[in-house]
Protein backbone atom coordinates (compact mmCIF):
# COMPACT_ATOMS: atom_id res chain seq x y z
CA UNK A 1 67.53 -74.40 27.04
CA UNK A 2 66.72 -72.00 29.84
CA UNK A 3 67.87 -69.07 27.67
CA UNK A 4 65.67 -70.19 24.81
CA UNK A 5 62.76 -70.58 27.17
CA UNK A 6 63.32 -67.08 28.56
CA UNK A 7 63.51 -65.67 25.04
CA UNK A 8 60.31 -67.47 24.16
CA UNK A 9 58.52 -66.10 27.22
CA UNK A 10 59.86 -62.62 26.50
CA UNK A 11 58.64 -62.84 22.94
CA UNK A 12 55.22 -64.10 24.05
CA UNK A 13 55.02 -61.25 26.56
CA UNK A 14 55.87 -58.66 23.89
CA UNK A 15 53.29 -60.16 21.54
CA UNK A 16 50.69 -60.05 24.32
CA UNK A 17 51.47 -56.46 25.16
CA UNK A 18 51.33 -55.54 21.48
CA UNK A 19 47.94 -57.23 21.14
CA UNK A 20 46.66 -55.47 24.27
CA UNK A 21 47.90 -52.13 23.01
CA UNK A 22 46.28 -52.74 19.62
CA UNK A 23 42.95 -53.67 21.27
CA UNK A 24 43.15 -50.55 23.44
CA UNK A 25 43.88 -48.44 20.37
CA UNK A 26 40.92 -49.96 18.53
CA UNK A 27 38.70 -49.42 21.57
CA UNK A 28 39.84 -45.81 21.83
CA UNK A 29 39.22 -45.30 18.11
CA UNK A 30 35.71 -46.69 18.51
CA UNK A 31 35.05 -44.46 21.54
CA UNK A 32 36.34 -41.41 19.66
CA UNK A 33 34.23 -42.33 16.64
CA UNK A 34 31.14 -42.73 18.82
CA UNK A 35 31.85 -39.45 20.62
CA UNK A 36 32.32 -37.62 17.31
CA UNK A 37 29.09 -39.08 15.95
CA UNK A 38 27.24 -38.14 19.13
CA UNK A 39 28.54 -34.59 18.89
CA UNK A 40 27.58 -34.45 15.21
CA UNK A 41 24.05 -35.64 16.00
CA UNK A 42 23.81 -33.11 18.83
CA UNK A 43 25.00 -30.31 16.56
CA UNK A 44 22.57 -31.34 13.83
CA UNK A 45 19.74 -31.37 16.37
CA UNK A 46 20.72 -27.90 17.63
CA UNK A 47 20.98 -26.58 14.07
CA UNK A 48 17.56 -28.01 13.23
CA UNK A 49 16.09 -26.49 16.40
CA UNK A 50 17.65 -23.10 15.66
CA UNK A 51 16.40 -23.20 12.06
CA UNK A 52 12.88 -23.93 13.27
CA UNK A 53 13.06 -21.10 15.81
CA UNK A 54 14.44 -18.75 13.15
CA UNK A 55 11.65 -19.69 10.74
CA UNK A 56 9.04 -19.14 13.46
CA UNK A 57 10.62 -15.79 14.37
CA UNK A 58 10.63 -14.70 10.72
CA UNK A 59 6.95 -15.63 10.37
CA UNK A 60 6.13 -13.75 13.55
CA UNK A 61 8.10 -10.72 12.31
CA UNK A 62 6.21 -10.75 9.00
CA UNK A 63 2.90 -10.95 10.85
CA UNK A 64 3.93 -8.07 13.11
CA UNK A 65 4.98 -5.94 10.13
CA UNK A 66 1.68 -6.70 8.41
CA UNK A 67 -0.26 -5.82 11.56
CA UNK A 68 1.65 -2.55 11.95
CA UNK A 69 1.01 -1.62 8.32
CA UNK A 70 -2.70 -2.35 8.70
CA UNK A 71 -2.87 -0.28 11.89
CA UNK A 72 -1.13 2.62 10.19
CA UNK A 73 -3.58 2.39 7.29
CA UNK A 74 -6.51 2.48 9.71
CA UNK A 75 -5.03 5.39 11.68
CA UNK A 76 -4.40 7.51 8.59
CA UNK A 77 -7.48 6.39 6.67
CA UNK A 78 -9.62 9.27 7.94
CA UNK A 79 -6.83 11.73 7.16
CA UNK A 80 -6.56 10.39 3.61
CA UNK A 81 -10.32 10.66 3.26
CA UNK A 82 -10.30 14.28 4.46
CA UNK A 83 -7.43 15.16 2.13
CA UNK A 84 -9.22 13.53 -0.78
CA UNK A 85 -12.38 15.47 0.00
CA UNK A 86 -10.44 18.74 0.32
CA UNK A 87 -8.67 18.08 -2.97
CA UNK A 88 -12.00 17.46 -4.71
CA UNK A 89 -13.46 20.65 -3.26
CA UNK A 90 -10.41 22.72 -4.24
CA UNK A 91 -10.57 21.41 -7.80
CA UNK A 92 -14.27 22.22 -7.92
CA UNK A 93 -13.70 25.73 -6.59
CA UNK A 94 -10.93 26.30 -9.12
CA UNK A 95 -13.15 25.15 -11.99
CA UNK A 96 -15.98 27.34 -10.70
CA UNK A 97 -13.63 30.32 -10.42
CA UNK A 98 -12.32 29.74 -13.94
CA UNK A 99 -15.87 29.50 -15.29
CA UNK A 100 -16.85 32.68 -13.45
CA UNK A 101 -13.77 34.48 -14.77
CA UNK A 102 -14.54 33.42 -18.32
CA UNK A 103 -18.14 34.58 -17.92
CA UNK A 104 -16.99 37.97 -16.60
CA UNK A 105 -14.69 38.36 -19.60
CA UNK A 106 -17.54 37.47 -21.96
CA UNK A 107 -19.86 39.93 -20.20
CA UNK A 108 -17.28 42.71 -20.47
CA UNK A 109 -16.83 42.05 -24.18
CA UNK A 110 -20.60 42.06 -24.58
CA UNK A 111 -20.87 45.45 -22.86
CA UNK A 112 -18.11 46.86 -25.07
CA UNK A 113 -19.83 45.63 -28.24
CA UNK A 114 -23.23 46.85 -27.00
CA UNK A 115 -21.84 50.32 -26.19
CA UNK A 116 -20.30 50.53 -29.66
CA UNK A 117 -23.61 49.54 -31.26
CA UNK A 118 -25.62 52.02 -29.16
CA UNK A 119 -23.22 54.84 -30.09
CA UNK A 120 -23.88 54.03 -33.72
CA UNK A 121 -27.66 54.09 -33.11
CA UNK A 122 -27.43 57.45 -31.35
CA UNK A 123 -25.26 58.90 -34.08
CA UNK A 124 -27.17 61.54 -35.99
CA UNK A 125 -25.33 60.91 -39.25
CA UNK A 126 -26.16 57.16 -39.40
CA UNK A 127 -28.91 56.10 -41.86
CA UNK A 128 -32.22 54.87 -40.40
CA UNK A 129 -31.84 51.41 -41.91
CA UNK A 130 -28.38 51.05 -40.38
CA UNK A 131 -29.75 52.13 -37.03
CA UNK A 132 -32.50 49.51 -37.26
CA UNK A 133 -30.00 46.79 -38.12
CA UNK A 134 -27.76 47.96 -35.29
CA UNK A 135 -30.66 47.81 -32.80
CA UNK A 136 -31.47 44.32 -34.02
CA UNK A 137 -27.83 43.29 -33.56
CA UNK A 138 -27.86 44.80 -30.06
CA UNK A 139 -31.00 42.84 -29.23
CA UNK A 140 -29.35 39.67 -30.55
CA UNK A 141 -26.26 40.41 -28.44
CA UNK A 142 -28.49 40.73 -25.36
CA UNK A 143 -30.15 37.40 -26.14
CA UNK A 144 -26.77 35.73 -26.60
CA UNK A 145 -25.55 37.26 -23.34
CA UNK A 146 -28.60 36.01 -21.46
CA UNK A 147 -28.16 32.51 -22.89
CA UNK A 148 -24.44 32.58 -22.09
CA UNK A 149 -25.11 33.59 -18.47
CA UNK A 150 -27.78 30.89 -18.14
CA UNK A 151 -25.41 28.33 -19.63
CA UNK A 152 -22.65 29.38 -17.25
CA UNK A 153 -24.98 29.09 -14.26
CA UNK A 154 -26.06 25.62 -15.40
CA UNK A 155 -22.40 24.62 -15.74
CA UNK A 156 -21.66 25.81 -12.20
CA UNK A 157 -24.71 23.97 -10.86
CA UNK A 158 -23.64 20.80 -12.70
CA UNK A 159 -20.12 21.20 -11.36
CA UNK A 160 -21.43 21.44 -7.80
CA UNK A 161 -23.57 18.33 -8.29
CA UNK A 162 -20.60 16.42 -9.72
CA UNK A 163 -18.42 17.59 -6.86
CA UNK A 164 -20.93 16.44 -4.25
CA UNK A 165 -21.27 13.11 -6.04
CA UNK A 166 -17.48 12.73 -6.13
CA UNK A 167 -17.26 13.45 -2.39
CA UNK A 168 -20.10 11.02 -1.74
CA UNK A 169 -18.48 8.31 -3.89
CA UNK A 170 -15.16 8.86 -2.13
CA UNK A 171 -16.82 8.55 1.26
CA UNK A 172 -18.66 5.38 0.26
CA UNK A 173 -15.52 3.86 -1.23
CA UNK A 174 -13.44 4.67 1.85
CA UNK A 175 -16.15 3.27 4.12
CA UNK A 176 -16.35 0.08 2.04
CA UNK A 177 -12.57 -0.31 2.03
CA UNK A 178 -12.52 0.17 5.80
CA UNK A 179 -15.18 -2.51 6.33
CA UNK A 180 -13.40 -4.86 3.93
CA UNK A 181 -10.07 -4.38 5.71
CA UNK A 182 -11.78 -4.99 9.05
CA UNK A 183 -13.23 -8.27 7.77
CA UNK A 184 -9.85 -9.31 6.37
CA UNK A 185 -8.17 -8.49 9.69
CA UNK A 186 -10.75 -10.61 11.55
CA UNK A 187 -10.16 -13.46 9.11
CA UNK A 188 -6.40 -13.27 9.59
CA UNK A 189 -6.80 -13.18 13.37
CA UNK A 190 -9.05 -16.24 13.27
CA UNK A 191 -6.57 -18.09 11.04
CA UNK A 192 -3.73 -17.17 13.38
CA UNK A 193 -5.65 -18.45 16.41
CA UNK A 194 -6.46 -21.73 14.62
CA UNK A 195 -2.79 -22.13 13.66
CA UNK A 196 -1.71 -21.57 17.26
CA UNK A 197 -4.30 -24.06 18.52
CA UNK A 198 -3.05 -26.68 16.05
CA UNK A 199 0.54 -26.03 17.11
CA UNK A 200 -0.38 -26.44 20.80
CA UNK A 201 -2.24 -29.67 19.99
CA UNK A 202 0.78 -31.10 18.19
CA UNK A 203 3.03 -30.25 21.15
CA UNK A 204 0.69 -32.18 23.48
């Protein structure tokens, strides 16, 4: 009887220890599960914070790039204007030179034709009627030459007027673009300040 009682107590003790060990295991599993979940939540929070910071940094970088581009445009705007004006003037001078060269060529041809006609008039063997017709042709050549010179001068004057108008238009357009960009920059700065104020208000 004593042996059976001892065996019974031993069995009860083993069952108790087994139950205690099982409860400890379950408790440890719960603690590990809670710790893992806490770490997961912490990691998710850090990831979310980093993503927000990254997004803010990207927006700031884009704004900085935009600001730098606008500043470069403003800094080189006068240079672009000067280059545009110089290009317009060079084109005008080239056209004027080409027109002058063409006029000189026409004048030289006129002189050659006139000399040939006058030689015929001065020729003693030429009939009187032919000489009269030749003089008339020479007079017509002079009239054509005068009209050609006048036309060439009018073309050069018109070219100068067009050139000055082009330079004036370019200057007005550049000035307008500069004012428009200034207004846009002020608008962007105001929007940025309002955004920052809203962000500060939300933090408070």
